[in-house]
Protein backbone atom coordinates (compact mmCIF):
# COMPACT_ATOMS: atom_id res chain seq x y z
CA MET A 1 -0.12 31.27 9.61
CA ASP A 2 0.19 27.77 8.10
CA ASN A 3 -1.94 26.77 5.10
CA VAL A 4 -3.88 23.50 5.24
CA VAL A 5 -5.75 22.03 2.26
CA VAL A 6 -8.87 20.00 3.09
CA THR A 7 -10.71 18.06 0.39
CA GLY A 8 -14.41 17.21 0.54
CA ALA A 9 -14.82 20.36 2.61
CA SER A 10 -18.47 21.18 1.95
CA LYS A 11 -20.16 18.90 4.48
CA GLY A 12 -19.81 16.21 7.13
CA LEU A 13 -16.31 15.41 8.29
CA GLY A 14 -14.57 17.75 5.85
CA LEU A 15 -16.59 20.73 7.05
CA ALA A 16 -15.91 19.86 10.70
CA VAL A 17 -12.17 19.54 10.02
CA CYS A 18 -12.16 23.00 8.38
CA SER A 19 -13.99 24.49 11.36
CA TYR A 20 -11.66 22.93 13.94
CA LEU A 21 -8.51 23.89 12.01
CA LEU A 22 -9.71 27.50 11.87
CA LYS A 23 -10.16 27.50 15.66
CA GLU A 24 -6.52 26.40 15.98
CA GLY A 25 -5.31 29.33 13.87
CA TYR A 26 -4.65 27.68 10.50
CA ARG A 27 -5.47 29.21 7.12
CA VAL A 28 -7.72 26.64 5.41
CA ILE A 29 -8.22 26.03 1.69
CA GLY A 30 -11.34 23.89 1.38
CA ILE A 31 -11.85 22.00 -1.88
CA ALA A 32 -15.26 20.65 -2.88
CA ARG A 33 -17.40 20.05 -5.95
CA THR A 34 -19.95 22.57 -4.73
CA GLU A 35 -19.93 25.18 -1.98
CA SER A 36 -22.57 24.20 0.57
CA ASP A 37 -24.42 26.85 2.55
CA GLU A 38 -22.50 25.75 5.65
CA LEU A 39 -19.11 26.13 3.95
CA LYS A 40 -20.14 29.51 2.56
CA THR A 41 -21.12 30.65 6.05
CA LEU A 42 -17.79 29.43 7.42
CA SER A 43 -15.91 31.34 4.70
CA GLU A 44 -17.90 34.51 5.27
CA GLY A 45 -17.24 34.31 9.01
CA ASN A 46 -13.50 33.83 8.44
CA PRO A 47 -12.72 35.95 5.36
CA ASP A 48 -8.97 36.08 6.03
CA SER A 49 -8.46 32.41 6.82
CA MET A 50 -11.06 30.24 5.02
CA PHE A 51 -10.97 29.92 1.24
CA TYR A 52 -13.09 27.78 -1.07
CA VAL A 53 -11.78 26.12 -4.24
CA GLN A 54 -14.23 24.42 -6.60
CA TYR A 55 -12.96 21.12 -7.98
CA ASP A 56 -14.34 17.69 -8.88
CA PHE A 57 -11.79 14.94 -8.22
CA LYS A 58 -13.22 12.81 -11.02
CA ASP A 59 -11.10 15.18 -13.13
CA THR A 60 -7.69 13.75 -12.24
CA ALA A 61 -6.01 15.25 -15.33
CA ASN A 62 -6.05 18.82 -14.00
CA ILE A 63 -5.05 18.27 -10.36
CA HIS A 64 -1.54 19.58 -11.08
CA GLU A 65 -2.90 22.85 -12.47
CA MET A 66 -5.28 23.21 -9.53
CA VAL A 67 -2.41 22.82 -7.04
CA LYS A 68 -0.32 25.37 -8.98
CA SER A 69 -3.21 27.82 -8.71
CA ILE A 70 -3.55 27.23 -4.94
CA THR A 71 0.17 27.66 -4.20
CA GLY A 72 0.33 30.67 -6.52
CA THR A 73 -2.47 32.33 -4.55
CA HIS A 74 -1.75 31.17 -1.01
CA GLY A 75 1.93 30.21 -0.94
CA HIS A 76 3.48 27.11 0.61
CA ILE A 77 1.19 24.38 1.93
CA TYR A 78 1.88 22.99 5.40
CA GLY A 79 -0.93 20.45 5.71
CA LEU A 80 -3.14 18.25 3.55
CA VAL A 81 -6.26 16.34 4.60
CA ASN A 82 -7.34 13.87 1.92
CA ASN A 83 -10.98 13.53 2.91
CA ALA A 84 -12.94 13.67 -0.39
CA ALA A 85 -14.49 10.31 -1.25
CA VAL A 86 -17.41 8.63 -2.92
CA GLY A 87 -19.14 5.73 -1.23
CA HIS A 88 -21.17 3.74 -3.75
CA ASP A 89 -22.33 0.54 -2.15
CA GLY A 90 -23.61 -2.60 -3.82
CA VAL A 91 -22.80 -6.22 -4.47
CA LEU A 92 -19.71 -6.42 -6.68
CA GLY A 93 -21.33 -8.79 -9.17
CA THR A 94 -24.02 -6.26 -10.05
CA MET A 95 -22.11 -3.00 -9.55
CA HIS A 96 -21.70 -0.98 -12.74
CA GLU A 97 -18.14 -0.72 -14.05
CA LYS A 98 -18.47 3.07 -14.15
CA GLN A 99 -19.13 3.11 -10.41
CA ILE A 100 -16.11 0.88 -9.76
CA CYS A 101 -13.89 3.17 -11.83
CA GLU A 102 -15.25 6.27 -10.08
CA LEU A 103 -14.57 4.78 -6.64
CA ILE A 104 -10.97 3.99 -7.53
CA GLN A 105 -10.46 7.32 -9.29
CA VAL A 106 -11.83 9.58 -6.54
CA ASN A 107 -10.80 7.51 -3.50
CA VAL A 108 -7.32 6.37 -4.59
CA GLU A 109 -5.94 8.01 -7.74
CA ALA A 110 -7.03 11.57 -6.88
CA PRO A 111 -5.57 11.70 -3.34
CA ILE A 112 -2.31 10.16 -4.56
CA LEU A 113 -1.97 12.76 -7.33
CA LEU A 114 -2.98 15.61 -5.04
CA THR A 115 -0.42 14.47 -2.46
CA LYS A 116 2.26 14.18 -5.16
CA TYR A 117 1.95 17.85 -6.10
CA ILE A 118 1.23 19.32 -2.66
CA SER A 119 4.11 17.39 -1.05
CA ARG A 120 6.50 19.28 -3.33
CA SER A 121 5.55 22.44 -1.47
CA MET A 122 6.21 20.67 1.85
CA LEU A 123 9.57 19.34 0.66
CA MET A 124 10.75 22.86 -0.17
CA ASN A 125 10.08 23.89 3.44
CA ARG A 126 11.15 20.54 4.93
CA ARG A 127 8.04 20.41 7.11
CA GLY A 128 4.48 19.27 6.66
CA ARG A 129 1.56 17.08 7.67
CA ILE A 130 -0.47 14.72 5.49
CA VAL A 131 -3.59 13.04 6.88
CA ASN A 132 -5.47 10.51 4.78
CA ILE A 133 -9.05 9.74 5.81
CA SER A 134 -9.47 5.98 5.64
CA SER A 135 -12.16 3.80 7.24
CA ILE A 136 -12.46 0.81 9.56
CA ILE A 137 -13.94 -0.96 6.50
CA ALA A 138 -10.36 -1.22 5.16
CA SER A 139 -9.58 -3.78 7.87
CA THR A 140 -12.94 -5.20 8.95
CA GLY A 141 -14.79 -5.49 5.65
CA PHE A 142 -18.52 -4.97 5.17
CA SER A 143 -20.98 -6.62 2.79
CA GLY A 144 -21.68 -4.39 -0.19
CA LEU A 145 -18.59 -2.23 0.32
CA SER A 146 -15.87 -4.39 -1.27
CA VAL A 147 -14.63 -1.74 -3.70
CA TYR A 148 -14.85 1.04 -1.11
CA GLY A 149 -12.96 -1.17 1.35
CA ALA A 150 -10.29 -1.93 -1.26
CA ALA A 151 -9.85 1.79 -1.94
CA LYS A 152 -9.46 2.66 1.74
CA ALA A 153 -7.02 -0.23 2.26
CA ALA A 154 -4.99 1.15 -0.64
CA LEU A 155 -4.89 4.53 1.11
CA ASN A 156 -3.49 2.87 4.25
CA GLY A 157 -0.73 1.20 2.23
CA PHE A 158 0.01 4.56 0.59
CA THR A 159 0.26 6.18 4.04
CA LYS A 160 2.81 3.69 5.33
CA SER A 161 5.15 3.77 2.35
CA LEU A 162 4.91 7.53 1.83
CA SER A 163 5.76 8.15 5.49
CA ARG A 164 9.12 6.47 4.79
CA GLU A 165 9.71 8.57 1.68
CA LEU A 166 8.97 11.90 3.35
CA GLY A 167 10.12 11.34 6.92
CA LYS A 168 13.66 12.59 6.40
CA ALA A 169 12.22 15.94 5.31
CA GLY A 170 10.25 16.31 8.55
CA ILE A 171 6.91 15.50 6.91
CA THR A 172 4.54 13.13 8.68
CA VAL A 173 1.95 10.96 6.92
CA ASN A 174 -0.88 9.28 8.83
CA SER A 175 -4.30 7.76 8.24
CA VAL A 176 -7.38 8.29 10.38
CA ALA A 177 -9.87 5.43 10.19
CA PRO A 178 -13.31 6.48 11.42
CA GLY A 179 -15.98 4.00 12.36
CA TYR A 180 -19.60 4.63 11.45
CA MET A 181 -20.60 8.24 11.98
CA GLU A 182 -23.91 9.95 11.36
CA THR A 183 -23.04 11.70 8.08
CA ALA A 184 -24.53 11.92 4.59
CA MET A 185 -22.50 8.86 3.55
CA THR A 186 -24.14 6.68 6.23
CA SER A 187 -27.63 8.20 5.97
CA GLY A 188 -28.90 4.91 4.53
CA LEU A 189 -28.19 3.13 7.81
CA LYS A 190 -31.40 3.34 9.81
CA GLY A 191 -33.36 1.32 12.31
CA ASP A 192 -32.11 -2.16 13.23
CA LYS A 193 -28.93 -1.90 11.14
CA LEU A 194 -27.86 1.30 12.88
CA GLU A 195 -28.77 -0.05 16.32
CA SER A 196 -26.72 -3.22 15.74
CA ILE A 197 -23.68 -1.10 14.86
CA LYS A 198 -24.17 0.95 18.04
CA ARG A 199 -24.45 -2.24 20.13
CA ARG A 200 -21.11 -3.44 18.72
CA SER A 201 -19.38 -0.51 20.39
CA PRO A 202 -18.21 -0.99 24.01
CA LEU A 203 -19.40 2.59 24.60
CA GLY A 204 -22.83 1.90 23.13
CA HIS A 205 -22.80 4.70 20.57
CA LEU A 206 -21.19 5.85 17.33
CA ALA A 207 -18.10 8.04 17.10
CA THR A 208 -18.94 11.59 16.05
CA VAL A 209 -17.64 13.76 13.25
CA GLU A 210 -16.22 16.03 15.97
CA ASP A 211 -14.22 13.13 17.46
CA VAL A 212 -12.59 12.47 14.10
CA ALA A 213 -12.01 16.16 13.34
CA ASN A 214 -10.23 16.57 16.69
CA THR A 215 -7.96 13.65 15.82
CA VAL A 216 -7.06 15.24 12.47
CA VAL A 217 -6.27 18.55 14.19
CA PHE A 218 -4.03 16.73 16.69
CA LEU A 219 -2.10 15.04 13.86
CA MET A 220 -1.56 18.49 12.29
CA SER A 221 -0.04 19.82 15.48
CA GLU A 222 3.48 19.87 16.87
CA LYS A 223 2.28 17.47 19.58
CA ALA A 224 2.08 14.73 16.91
CA LYS A 225 5.53 15.39 15.43
CA ASN A 226 6.68 11.82 16.18
CA MET A 227 3.58 10.08 14.86
CA THR A 228 3.95 8.93 11.26
CA GLY A 229 3.06 5.92 9.14
CA THR A 230 0.26 4.96 11.49
CA ILE A 231 -3.49 4.37 11.24
CA VAL A 232 -5.49 6.00 14.04
CA THR A 233 -8.88 4.36 14.58
CA VAL A 234 -11.74 6.48 15.92
CA ASP A 235 -14.76 4.18 16.23
CA ALA A 236 -15.99 4.25 19.84
CA GLY A 237 -14.28 0.87 20.23
CA SER A 238 -16.43 -1.06 17.74
CA THR A 239 -13.39 -2.90 16.32
CA ALA A 240 -11.94 -3.72 19.76
């Protein structure tokens, strides 16, 4: 049974990815700052295949030790889903420097360091899957999300170059770029703003967390063995 590490596993997309990976027979190590009730229920229902690790990715200094602990307990890692992110919004000119630093640290530095150490496990086995959760904001832009957009664009650049580094070892690296979904991160979008986003989609609605989770599971599978270095957009066509 292959091990897959999922970050930001306690809610929203991360929780859905964990659930769908379990259904496909993977052993899942879910990392989050706190264990939500939903994640706890998932772990209790799958005691042999769902494991929670507490970690806050603002602490980039100890990522190496955390990965050593995971591999020491669970063995080689086959898959990694870099989903954990913070989404502070605000006009750049008035955004606090601490928030800018936190966005870059959690959304760029942490996934790069986590991938650095987990990919070593993949290289030893000469097989693996890395999926970085990006956003359509990386390519479309959105007022008030300049730093977030920069961070997600950085993740896309990381995906493309790393896919070239790791390809010869049979490891694929891809990004999934969701559009707006109804999650905690977009809970501030209500009323007219939300309706205008829905109208932008040719399908007339938002993509769901389940749509994105299914895409991640596909990229983990053998069916996606020849997909690497690409950015898969799941947005109900809003960027068409």
